[in-house]
Amino acid sequence: MGMDEVFREIQRSLGAGEAVVVATVAETRGSTPRRPGARLLVRADGTFCGTIGGGCGEAEVIYEAMETHKDGRPRLVDVDLTNPIDGEDKICGGVMKVFVERIG
């Protein structure tokens, strides 16, 4: 599941006249699961492809992506991975800034 998949899905969606929201890791501090440039594409029905690292941080970004689907406004989401929510989550201890924008 790489970058190519996200770009193919953008092309497919635009060809079908469907808007998608793309979340891109813009900046990272500390230890994060993905580097800047990692992308996550979120469809209007909440399904997605690509990844910015999984876990609670990704869930937060998907929520914001759905808000962008509703109002069309881009967002810069601060994802703080320094506070573990539960024991299972592989917490990296860093902070990511994720740019969320609607395309189409």
PDB file of N, CA and C in Angstrom:
ATOM      1  N   MET A   1       0.854  -1.183   0.000  1.00  0.00           N
ATOM      2  CA  MET A   1       0.000   0.000   0.000  1.00  0.00           C
ATOM      3  C   MET A   1       0.887   1.228   0.000  1.00  0.00           C
ATOM      4  N   GLY A   2       1.167   1.746  -1.180  1.00  0.00           N
ATOM      5  CA  GLY A   2       2.110   2.851  -1.229  1.00  0.00           C
ATOM      6  C   GLY A   2       1.487   4.125  -1.744  1.00  0.00           C
ATOM      7  N   MET A   3       2.371   5.067  -2.043  1.00  0.00           N
ATOM      8  CA  MET A   3       1.984   6.363  -2.562  1.00  0.00           C
ATOM      9  C   MET A   3       1.210   6.211  -3.856  1.00  0.00           C
ATOM     10  N   ASP A   4       1.664   5.264  -4.710  1.00  0.00           N
ATOM     11  CA  ASP A   4       1.030   5.076  -6.010  1.00  0.00           C
ATOM     12  C   ASP A   4      -0.459   4.808  -5.851  1.00  0.00           C
ATOM     13  N   GLU A   5      -0.821   4.027  -4.837  1.00  0.00           N
ATOM     14  CA  GLU A   5      -2.214   3.692  -4.611  1.00  0.00           C
ATOM     15  C   GLU A   5      -3.035   4.951  -4.336  1.00  0.00           C
ATOM     16  N   VAL A   6      -2.484   5.849  -3.526  1.00  0.00           N
ATOM     17  CA  VAL A   6      -3.187   7.090  -3.195  1.00  0.00           C
ATOM     18  C   VAL A   6      -3.372   7.932  -4.460  1.00  0.00           C
ATOM     19  N   PHE A   7      -2.317   8.071  -5.273  1.00  0.00           N
ATOM     20  CA  PHE A   7      -2.425   8.881  -6.485  1.00  0.00           C
ATOM     21  C   PHE A   7      -3.392   8.258  -7.489  1.00  0.00           C
ATOM     22  N   ARG A   8      -3.370   6.915  -7.603  1.00  0.00           N
ATOM     23  CA  ARG A   8      -4.322   6.237  -8.497  1.00  0.00           C
ATOM     24  C   ARG A   8      -5.754   6.478  -8.041  1.00  0.00           C
ATOM     25  N   GLU A   9      -5.964   6.447  -6.727  1.00  0.00           N
ATOM     26  CA  GLU A   9      -7.303   6.654  -6.183  1.00  0.00           C
ATOM     27  C   GLU A   9      -7.770   8.096  -6.382  1.00  0.00           C
ATOM     28  N   ILE A  10      -6.848   9.073  -6.288  1.00  0.00           N
ATOM     29  CA  ILE A  10      -7.205  10.470  -6.579  1.00  0.00           C
ATOM     30  C   ILE A  10      -7.675  10.569  -8.030  1.00  0.00           C
ATOM     31  N   GLN A  11      -6.909   9.965  -8.944  1.00  0.00           N
ATOM     32  CA  GLN A  11      -7.273  10.013 -10.367  1.00  0.00           C
ATOM     33  C   GLN A  11      -8.630   9.362 -10.608  1.00  0.00           C
ATOM     34  N   ARG A  12      -8.837   8.188  -9.989  1.00  0.00           N
ATOM     35  CA  ARG A  12     -10.079   7.453 -10.176  1.00  0.00           C
ATOM     36  C   ARG A  12     -11.265   8.284  -9.678  1.00  0.00           C
ATOM     37  N   SER A  13     -11.119   8.864  -8.484  1.00  0.00           N
ATOM     38  CA  SER A  13     -12.204   9.634  -7.873  1.00  0.00           C
ATOM     39  C   SER A  13     -12.540  10.868  -8.697  1.00  0.00           C
ATOM     40  N   LEU A  14     -11.494  11.586  -9.130  1.00  0.00           N
ATOM     41  CA  LEU A  14     -11.733  12.788  -9.932  1.00  0.00           C
ATOM     42  C   LEU A  14     -12.400  12.416 -11.249  1.00  0.00           C
ATOM     43  N   GLY A  15     -11.981  11.297 -11.836  1.00  0.00           N
ATOM     44  CA  GLY A  15     -12.590  10.819 -13.078  1.00  0.00           C
ATOM     45  C   GLY A  15     -14.062  10.475 -12.883  1.00  0.00           C
ATOM     46  N   ALA A  16     -14.404  10.024 -11.678  1.00  0.00           N
ATOM     47  CA  ALA A  16     -15.792   9.653 -11.367  1.00  0.00           C
ATOM     48  C   ALA A  16     -16.583  10.838 -10.818  1.00  0.00           C
ATOM     49  N   GLY A  17     -15.920  12.002 -10.718  1.00  0.00           N
ATOM     50  CA  GLY A  17     -16.600  13.190 -10.212  1.00  0.00           C
ATOM     51  C   GLY A  17     -16.820  13.169  -8.704  1.00  0.00           C
ATOM     52  N   GLU A  18     -16.020  12.392  -7.992  1.00  0.00           N
ATOM     53  CA  GLU A  18     -16.138  12.309  -6.532  1.00  0.00           C
ATOM     54  C   GLU A  18     -15.027  13.114  -5.879  1.00  0.00           C
ATOM     55  N   ALA A  19     -15.391  13.913  -4.877  1.00  0.00           N
ATOM     56  CA  ALA A  19     -14.371  14.638  -4.123  1.00  0.00           C
ATOM     57  C   ALA A  19     -13.717  13.684  -3.128  1.00  0.00           C
ATOM     58  N   VAL A  20     -12.434  13.872  -2.901  1.00  0.00           N
ATOM     59  CA  VAL A  20     -11.724  13.129  -1.862  1.00  0.00           C
ATOM     60  C   VAL A  20     -10.976  14.135  -0.998  1.00  0.00           C
ATOM     61  N   VAL A  21     -10.637  13.712   0.191  1.00  0.00           N
ATOM     62  CA  VAL A  21      -9.813  14.536   1.065  1.00  0.00           C
ATOM     63  C   VAL A  21      -8.476  13.828   1.234  1.00  0.00           C
ATOM     64  N   VAL A  22      -7.399  14.582   1.051  1.00  0.00           N
ATOM     65  CA  VAL A  22      -6.058  14.019   1.198  1.00  0.00           C
ATOM     66  C   VAL A  22      -5.391  14.656   2.412  1.00  0.00           C
ATOM     67  N   ALA A  23      -4.885  13.807   3.293  1.00  0.00           N
ATOM     68  CA  ALA A  23      -4.139  14.253   4.467  1.00  0.00           C
ATOM     69  C   ALA A  23      -2.669  13.941   4.220  1.00  0.00           C
ATOM     70  N   THR A  24      -1.828  14.960   4.350  1.00  0.00           N
ATOM     71  CA  THR A  24      -0.398  14.808   4.095  1.00  0.00           C
ATOM     72  C   THR A  24       0.379  15.196   5.343  1.00  0.00           C
ATOM     73  N   VAL A  25       1.284  14.333   5.773  1.00  0.00           N
ATOM     74  CA  VAL A  25       2.152  14.681   6.906  1.00  0.00           C
ATOM     75  C   VAL A  25       3.059  15.817   6.446  1.00  0.00           C
ATOM     76  N   ALA A  26       2.918  16.980   7.084  1.00  0.00           N
ATOM     77  CA  ALA A  26       3.665  18.165   6.668  1.00  0.00           C
ATOM     78  C   ALA A  26       4.954  18.334   7.466  1.00  0.00           C
ATOM     79  N   GLU A  27       4.922  17.937   8.734  1.00  0.00           N
ATOM     80  CA  GLU A  27       6.071  18.174   9.616  1.00  0.00           C
ATOM     81  C   GLU A  27       6.019  17.153  10.740  1.00  0.00           C
ATOM     82  N   THR A  28       7.177  16.696  11.181  1.00  0.00           N
ATOM     83  CA  THR A  28       7.225  15.786  12.328  1.00  0.00           C
ATOM     84  C   THR A  28       8.291  16.256  13.302  1.00  0.00           C
ATOM     85  N   ARG A  29       8.021  16.028  14.581  1.00  0.00           N
ATOM     86  CA  ARG A  29       9.016  16.259  15.632  1.00  0.00           C
ATOM     87  C   ARG A  29       9.054  14.997  16.482  1.00  0.00           C
ATOM     88  N   GLY A  30      10.261  14.610  16.870  1.00  0.00           N
ATOM     89  CA  GLY A  30      10.384  13.403  17.678  1.00  0.00           C
ATOM     90  C   GLY A  30      10.190  12.163  16.824  1.00  0.00           C
ATOM     91  N   SER A  31       9.810  11.080  17.472  1.00  0.00           N
ATOM     92  CA  SER A  31       9.673   9.797  16.796  1.00  0.00           C
ATOM     93  C   SER A  31       8.236   9.610  16.330  1.00  0.00           C
ATOM     94  N   THR A  32       8.030   9.536  15.025  1.00  0.00           N
ATOM     95  CA  THR A  32       6.691   9.353  14.459  1.00  0.00           C
ATOM     96  C   THR A  32       6.714   8.177  13.493  1.00  0.00           C
ATOM     97  N   PRO A  33       5.542   7.548  13.263  1.00  0.00           N
ATOM     98  CA  PRO A  33       5.533   6.358  12.403  1.00  0.00           C
ATOM     99  C   PRO A  33       5.820   6.643  10.939  1.00  0.00           C
ATOM    100  N   ARG A  34       5.526   7.842  10.473  1.00  0.00           N
ATOM    101  CA  ARG A  34       5.737   8.170   9.066  1.00  0.00           C
ATOM    102  C   ARG A  34       6.493   9.483   8.938  1.00  0.00           C
ATOM    103  N   ARG A  35       7.190   9.615   7.834  1.00  0.00           N
ATOM    104  CA  ARG A  35       7.941  10.831   7.545  1.00  0.00           C
ATOM    105  C   ARG A  35       7.047  11.841   6.837  1.00  0.00           C
ATOM    106  N   PRO A  36       7.472  13.112   6.786  1.00  0.00           N
ATOM    107  CA  PRO A  36       6.733  14.101   6.000  1.00  0.00           C
ATOM    108  C   PRO A  36       6.546  13.614   4.567  1.00  0.00           C
ATOM    109  N   GLY A  37       5.360  13.901   4.019  1.00  0.00           N
ATOM    110  CA  GLY A  37       5.042  13.449   2.661  1.00  0.00           C
ATOM    111  C   GLY A  37       4.142  12.221   2.648  1.00  0.00           C
ATOM    112  N   ALA A  38       4.057  11.507   3.766  1.00  0.00           N
ATOM    113  CA  ALA A  38       3.152  10.352   3.824  1.00  0.00           C
ATOM    114  C   ALA A  38       1.722  10.852   3.647  1.00  0.00           C
ATOM    115  N   ARG A  39       0.921  10.085   2.898  1.00  0.00           N
ATOM    116  CA  ARG A  39      -0.435  10.544   2.584  1.00  0.00           C
ATOM    117  C   ARG A  39      -1.497   9.507   2.933  1.00  0.00           C
ATOM    118  N   LEU A  40      -2.662  10.059   3.286  1.00  0.00           N
ATOM    119  CA  LEU A  40      -3.852   9.262   3.567  1.00  0.00           C
ATOM    120  C   LEU A  40      -4.990   9.894   2.779  1.00  0.00           C
ATOM    121  N   LEU A  41      -5.703   9.082   1.999  1.00  0.00           N
ATOM    122  CA  LEU A  41      -6.840   9.589   1.235  1.00  0.00           C
ATOM    123  C   LEU A  41      -8.123   9.113   1.911  1.00  0.00           C
ATOM    124  N   VAL A  42      -9.063  10.029   2.120  1.00  0.00           N
ATOM    125  CA  VAL A  42     -10.324   9.695   2.776  1.00  0.00           C
ATOM    126  C   VAL A  42     -11.475  10.039   1.844  1.00  0.00           C
ATOM    127  N   ARG A  43     -12.332   9.038   1.591  1.00  0.00           N
ATOM    128  CA  ARG A  43     -13.497   9.237   0.735  1.00  0.00           C
ATOM    129  C   ARG A  43     -14.653   9.782   1.571  1.00  0.00           C
ATOM    130  N   ALA A  44     -15.675  10.301   0.880  1.00  0.00           N
ATOM    131  CA  ALA A  44     -16.827  10.902   1.562  1.00  0.00           C
ATOM    132  C   ALA A  44     -17.571   9.882   2.435  1.00  0.00           C
ATOM    133  N   ASP A  45     -17.470   8.584   2.108  1.00  0.00           N
ATOM    134  CA  ASP A  45     -18.170   7.571   2.914  1.00  0.00           C
ATOM    135  C   ASP A  45     -17.345   7.104   4.116  1.00  0.00           C
ATOM    136  N   GLY A  46     -16.157   7.728   4.297  1.00  0.00           N
ATOM    137  CA  GLY A  46     -15.332   7.385   5.452  1.00  0.00           C
ATOM    138  C   GLY A  46     -14.305   6.299   5.195  1.00  0.00           C
ATOM    139  N   THR A  47     -14.377   5.644   4.032  1.00  0.00           N
ATOM    140  CA  THR A  47     -13.349   4.655   3.713  1.00  0.00           C
ATOM    141  C   THR A  47     -12.090   5.402   3.282  1.00  0.00           C
ATOM    142  N   PHE A  48     -10.953   4.738   3.366  1.00  0.00           N
ATOM    143  CA  PHE A  48      -9.694   5.421   3.085  1.00  0.00           C
ATOM    144  C   PHE A  48      -8.657   4.475   2.513  1.00  0.00           C
ATOM    145  N   CYS A  49      -7.606   5.047   1.951  1.00  0.00           N
ATOM    146  CA  CYS A  49      -6.448   4.258   1.531  1.00  0.00           C
ATOM    147  C   CYS A  49      -5.192   5.053   1.835  1.00  0.00           C
ATOM    148  N   GLY A  50      -4.074   4.356   1.880  1.00  0.00           N
ATOM    149  CA  GLY A  50      -2.830   4.976   2.307  1.00  0.00           C
ATOM    150  C   GLY A  50      -2.788   4.994   3.824  1.00  0.00           C
ATOM    151  N   THR A  51      -1.730   5.544   4.376  1.00  0.00           N
ATOM    152  CA  THR A  51      -1.619   5.605   5.834  1.00  0.00           C
ATOM    153  C   THR A  51      -0.687   6.725   6.247  1.00  0.00           C
ATOM    154  N   ILE A  52      -0.979   7.309   7.395  1.00  0.00           N
ATOM    155  CA  ILE A  52      -0.025   8.243   7.997  1.00  0.00           C
ATOM    156  C   ILE A  52       0.470   7.664   9.317  1.00  0.00           C
ATOM    157  N   GLY A  53       0.254   6.353   9.512  1.00  0.00           N
ATOM    158  CA  GLY A  53       0.849   5.705  10.672  1.00  0.00           C
ATOM    159  C   GLY A  53      -0.100   4.911  11.548  1.00  0.00           C
ATOM    160  N   GLY A  54      -1.394   4.975  11.283  1.00  0.00           N
ATOM    161  CA  GLY A  54      -2.324   4.149  12.056  1.00  0.00           C
ATOM    162  C   GLY A  54      -2.550   4.670  13.461  1.00  0.00           C
ATOM    163  N   GLY A  55      -3.296   3.898  14.230  1.00  0.00           N
ATOM    164  CA  GLY A  55      -3.528   4.225  15.630  1.00  0.00           C
ATOM    165  C   GLY A  55      -4.464   5.407  15.828  1.00  0.00           C
ATOM    166  N   CYS A  56      -4.448   5.942  17.044  1.00  0.00           N
ATOM    167  CA  CYS A  56      -5.392   7.006  17.405  1.00  0.00           C
ATOM    168  C   CYS A  56      -5.107   8.272  16.622  1.00  0.00           C
ATOM    169  N   GLY A  57      -3.856   8.539  16.273  1.00  0.00           N
ATOM    170  CA  GLY A  57      -3.529   9.726  15.496  1.00  0.00           C
ATOM    171  C   GLY A  57      -4.193   9.696  14.134  1.00  0.00           C
ATOM    172  N   GLU A  58      -4.190   8.520  13.496  1.00  0.00           N
ATOM    173  CA  GLU A  58      -4.826   8.399  12.188  1.00  0.00           C
ATOM    174  C   GLU A  58      -6.342   8.571  12.314  1.00  0.00           C
ATOM    175  N   ALA A  59      -6.936   8.026  13.365  1.00  0.00           N
ATOM    176  CA  ALA A  59      -8.380   8.170  13.591  1.00  0.00           C
ATOM    177  C   ALA A  59      -8.757   9.642  13.727  1.00  0.00           C
ATOM    178  N   GLU A  60      -7.921  10.394  14.424  1.00  0.00           N
ATOM    179  CA  GLU A  60      -8.150  11.831  14.608  1.00  0.00           C
ATOM    180  C   GLU A  60      -8.120  12.559  13.264  1.00  0.00           C
ATOM    181  N   VAL A  61      -7.167  12.188  12.422  1.00  0.00           N
ATOM    182  CA  VAL A  61      -7.032  12.832  11.113  1.00  0.00           C
ATOM    183  C   VAL A  61      -8.211  12.447  10.214  1.00  0.00           C
ATOM    184  N   ILE A  62      -8.666  11.193  10.287  1.00  0.00           N
ATOM    185  CA  ILE A  62      -9.829  10.771   9.493  1.00  0.00           C
ATOM    186  C   ILE A  62     -11.061  11.570   9.924  1.00  0.00           C
ATOM    187  N   TYR A  63     -11.214  11.796  11.228  1.00  0.00           N
ATOM    188  CA  TYR A  63     -12.325  12.619  11.715  1.00  0.00           C
ATOM    189  C   TYR A  63     -12.257  14.017  11.106  1.00  0.00           C
ATOM    190  N   GLU A  64     -11.081  14.636  11.144  1.00  0.00           N
ATOM    191  CA  GLU A  64     -10.909  15.984  10.584  1.00  0.00           C
ATOM    192  C   GLU A  64     -11.133  15.974   9.075  1.00  0.00           C
ATOM    193  N   ALA A  65     -10.718  14.898   8.405  1.00  0.00           N
ATOM    194  CA  ALA A  65     -10.933  14.774   6.961  1.00  0.00           C
ATOM    195  C   ALA A  65     -12.431  14.758   6.647  1.00  0.00           C
ATOM    196  N   MET A  66     -13.228  14.090   7.483  1.00  0.00           N
ATOM    197  CA  MET A  66     -14.673  14.068   7.273  1.00  0.00           C
ATOM    198  C   MET A  66     -15.265  15.472   7.460  1.00  0.00           C
ATOM    199  N   GLU A  67     -14.712  16.234   8.407  1.00  0.00           N
ATOM    200  CA  GLU A  67     -15.154  17.621   8.591  1.00  0.00           C
ATOM    201  C   GLU A  67     -14.826  18.450   7.344  1.00  0.00           C
ATOM    202  N   THR A  68     -13.660  18.220   6.755  1.00  0.00           N
ATOM    203  CA  THR A  68     -13.264  18.922   5.533  1.00  0.00           C
ATOM    204  C   THR A  68     -14.182  18.529   4.377  1.00  0.00           C
ATOM    205  N   HIS A  69     -14.614  17.260   4.340  1.00  0.00           N
ATOM    206  CA  HIS A  69     -15.595  16.848   3.322  1.00  0.00           C
ATOM    207  C   HIS A  69     -16.853  17.710   3.456  1.00  0.00           C
ATOM    208  N   LYS A  70     -17.264  17.983   4.704  1.00  0.00           N
ATOM    209  CA  LYS A  70     -18.510  18.728   4.941  1.00  0.00           C
ATOM    210  C   LYS A  70     -18.382  20.201   4.584  1.00  0.00           C
ATOM    211  N   ASP A  71     -17.298  20.861   5.024  1.00  0.00           N
ATOM    212  CA  ASP A  71     -17.240  22.324   4.853  1.00  0.00           C
ATOM    213  C   ASP A  71     -16.251  22.780   3.774  1.00  0.00           C
ATOM    214  N   GLY A  72     -15.462  21.866   3.229  1.00  0.00           N
ATOM    215  CA  GLY A  72     -14.550  22.215   2.150  1.00  0.00           C
ATOM    216  C   GLY A  72     -13.305  22.965   2.578  1.00  0.00           C
ATOM    217  N   ARG A  73     -13.184  23.251   3.884  1.00  0.00           N
ATOM    218  CA  ARG A  73     -12.041  24.054   4.339  1.00  0.00           C
ATOM    219  C   ARG A  73     -10.829  23.164   4.639  1.00  0.00           C
ATOM    220  N   PRO A  74      -9.657  23.583   4.166  1.00  0.00           N
ATOM    221  CA  PRO A  74      -8.448  22.843   4.541  1.00  0.00           C
ATOM    222  C   PRO A  74      -8.149  23.036   6.017  1.00  0.00           C
ATOM    223  N   ARG A  75      -7.428  22.098   6.593  1.00  0.00           N
ATOM    224  CA  ARG A  75      -7.096  22.137   8.016  1.00  0.00           C
ATOM    225  C   ARG A  75      -5.647  21.728   8.206  1.00  0.00           C
ATOM    226  N   LEU A  76      -5.049  22.236   9.266  1.00  0.00           N
ATOM    227  CA  LEU A  76      -3.748  21.757   9.707  1.00  0.00           C
ATOM    228  C   LEU A  76      -3.982  21.117  11.069  1.00  0.00           C
ATOM    229  N   VAL A  77      -3.809  19.809  11.133  1.00  0.00           N
ATOM    230  CA  VAL A  77      -4.131  19.059  12.342  1.00  0.00           C
ATOM    231  C   VAL A  77      -2.844  18.714  13.086  1.00  0.00           C
ATOM    232  N   ASP A  78      -2.791  19.080  14.360  1.00  0.00           N
ATOM    233  CA  ASP A  78      -1.660  18.687  15.202  1.00  0.00           C
ATOM    234  C   ASP A  78      -1.981  17.333  15.810  1.00  0.00           C
ATOM    235  N   VAL A  79      -1.162  16.341  15.516  1.00  0.00           N
ATOM    236  CA  VAL A  79      -1.359  14.999  16.049  1.00  0.00           C
ATOM    237  C   VAL A  79      -0.260  14.742  17.076  1.00  0.00           C
ATOM    238  N   ASP A  80      -0.668  14.674  18.332  1.00  0.00           N
ATOM    239  CA  ASP A  80       0.284  14.483  19.430  1.00  0.00           C
ATOM    240  C   ASP A  80       0.311  13.011  19.800  1.00  0.00           C
ATOM    241  N   LEU A  81       1.445  12.361  19.545  1.00  0.00           N
ATOM    242  CA  LEU A  81       1.573  10.920  19.817  1.00  0.00           C
ATOM    243  C   LEU A  81       2.320  10.666  21.121  1.00  0.00           C
ATOM    244  N   THR A  82       2.413  11.685  21.966  1.00  0.00           N
ATOM    245  CA  THR A  82       3.217  11.515  23.184  1.00  0.00           C
ATOM    246  C   THR A  82       2.414  10.937  24.341  1.00  0.00           C
ATOM    247  N   ASN A  83       1.063  10.957  24.250  1.00  0.00           N
ATOM    248  CA  ASN A  83       0.249  10.433  25.358  1.00  0.00           C
ATOM    249  C   ASN A  83      -0.421   9.133  24.963  1.00  0.00           C
ATOM    250  N   PRO A  84       0.046   8.002  25.493  1.00  0.00           N
ATOM    251  CA  PRO A  84      -0.607   6.742  25.140  1.00  0.00           C
ATOM    252  C   PRO A  84      -2.038   6.718  25.669  1.00  0.00           C
ATOM    253  N   ILE A  85      -2.982   6.301  24.814  1.00  0.00           N
ATOM    254  CA  ILE A  85      -4.385   6.194  25.212  1.00  0.00           C
ATOM    255  C   ILE A  85      -4.616   4.854  25.898  1.00  0.00           C
ATOM    256  N   ASP A  86      -4.025   3.813  25.321  1.00  0.00           N
ATOM    257  CA  ASP A  86      -4.164   2.484  25.931  1.00  0.00           C
ATOM    258  C   ASP A  86      -2.850   1.724  25.755  1.00  0.00           C
ATOM    259  N   GLY A  87      -2.724   0.630  26.440  1.00  0.00           N
ATOM    260  CA  GLY A  87      -1.462  -0.108  26.449  1.00  0.00           C
ATOM    261  C   GLY A  87      -1.084  -0.717  25.118  1.00  0.00           C
ATOM    262  N   GLU A  88      -2.082  -1.031  24.287  1.00  0.00           N
ATOM    263  CA  GLU A  88      -1.803  -1.719  23.027  1.00  0.00           C
ATOM    264  C   GLU A  88      -1.176  -0.798  21.989  1.00  0.00           C
ATOM    265  N   ASP A  89      -1.545   0.484  22.027  1.00  0.00           N
ATOM    266  CA  ASP A  89      -1.122   1.399  20.970  1.00  0.00           C
ATOM    267  C   ASP A  89       0.396   1.541  20.980  1.00  0.00           C
ATOM    268  N   LYS A  90       1.008   1.357  19.808  1.00  0.00           N
ATOM    269  CA  LYS A  90       2.453   1.502  19.692  1.00  0.00           C
ATOM    270  C   LYS A  90       2.764   2.999  19.628  1.00  0.00           C
ATOM    271  N   ILE A  91       2.979   3.603  20.770  1.00  0.00           N
ATOM    272  CA  ILE A  91       3.170   5.046  20.809  1.00  0.00           C
ATOM    273  C   ILE A  91       4.616   5.387  20.479  1.00  0.00           C
ATOM    274  N   CYS A  92       4.773   6.329  19.586  1.00  0.00           N
ATOM    275  CA  CYS A  92       6.108   6.704  19.124  1.00  0.00           C
ATOM    276  C   CYS A  92       6.692   7.865  19.909  1.00  0.00           C
ATOM    277  N   GLY A  93       5.826   8.712  20.441  1.00  0.00           N
ATOM    278  CA  GLY A  93       6.325   9.809  21.258  1.00  0.00           C
ATOM    279  C   GLY A  93       6.615  11.099  20.524  1.00  0.00           C
ATOM    280  N   GLY A  94       6.165  11.215  19.291  1.00  0.00           N
ATOM    281  CA  GLY A  94       6.412  12.437  18.539  1.00  0.00           C
ATOM    282  C   GLY A  94       5.149  13.226  18.293  1.00  0.00           C
ATOM    283  N   VAL A  95       5.303  14.288  17.515  1.00  0.00           N
ATOM    284  CA  VAL A  95       4.183  15.149  17.135  1.00  0.00           C
ATOM    285  C   VAL A  95       4.238  15.323  15.624  1.00  0.00           C
ATOM    286  N   MET A  96       3.066  15.230  14.963  1.00  0.00           N
ATOM    287  CA  MET A  96       2.994  15.434  13.521  1.00  0.00           C
ATOM    288  C   MET A  96       2.038  16.578  13.228  1.00  0.00           C
ATOM    289  N   LYS A  97       2.366  17.377  12.232  1.00  0.00           N
ATOM    290  CA  LYS A  97       1.415  18.332  11.669  1.00  0.00           C
ATOM    291  C   LYS A  97       0.950  17.721  10.349  1.00  0.00           C
ATOM    292  N   VAL A  98      -0.387  17.620  10.203  1.00  0.00           N
ATOM    293  CA  VAL A  98      -0.951  16.978   9.025  1.00  0.00           C
ATOM    294  C   VAL A  98      -1.859  17.962   8.312  1.00  0.00           C
ATOM    295  N   PHE A  99      -1.559  18.197   7.030  1.00  0.00           N
ATOM    296  CA  PHE A  99      -2.368  19.121   6.229  1.00  0.00           C
ATOM    297  C   PHE A  99      -3.476  18.319   5.565  1.00  0.00           C
ATOM    298  N   VAL A 100      -4.714  18.791   5.755  1.00  0.00           N
ATOM    299  CA  VAL A 100      -5.894  18.082   5.237  1.00  0.00           C
ATOM    300  C   VAL A 100      -6.587  18.989   4.233  1.00  0.00           C
ATOM    301  N   GLU A 101      -6.789  18.506   2.992  1.00  0.00           N
ATOM    302  CA  GLU A 101      -7.422  19.332   1.958  1.00  0.00           C
ATOM    303  C   GLU A 101      -8.336  18.506   1.087  1.00  0.00           C
ATOM    304  N   ARG A 102      -9.394  19.154   0.600  1.00  0.00           N
ATOM    305  CA  ARG A 102     -10.332  18.474  -0.301  1.00  0.00           C
ATOM    306  C   ARG A 102      -9.889  18.689  -1.734  1.00  0.00           C
ATOM    307  N   ILE A 103      -9.974  17.651  -2.531  1.00  0.00           N
ATOM    308  CA  ILE A 103      -9.602  17.699  -3.941  1.00  0.00           C
ATOM    309  C   ILE A 103     -10.814  17.269  -4.745  1.00  0.00           C
ATOM    310  N   GLY A 104     -11.181  18.083  -5.745  1.00  0.00           N
ATOM    311  CA  GLY A 104     -12.299  17.704  -6.607  1.00  0.00           C
ATOM    312  C   GLY A 104     -13.577  18.412  -6.224  1.00  0.00           C
TER     313      GLY A 104
END
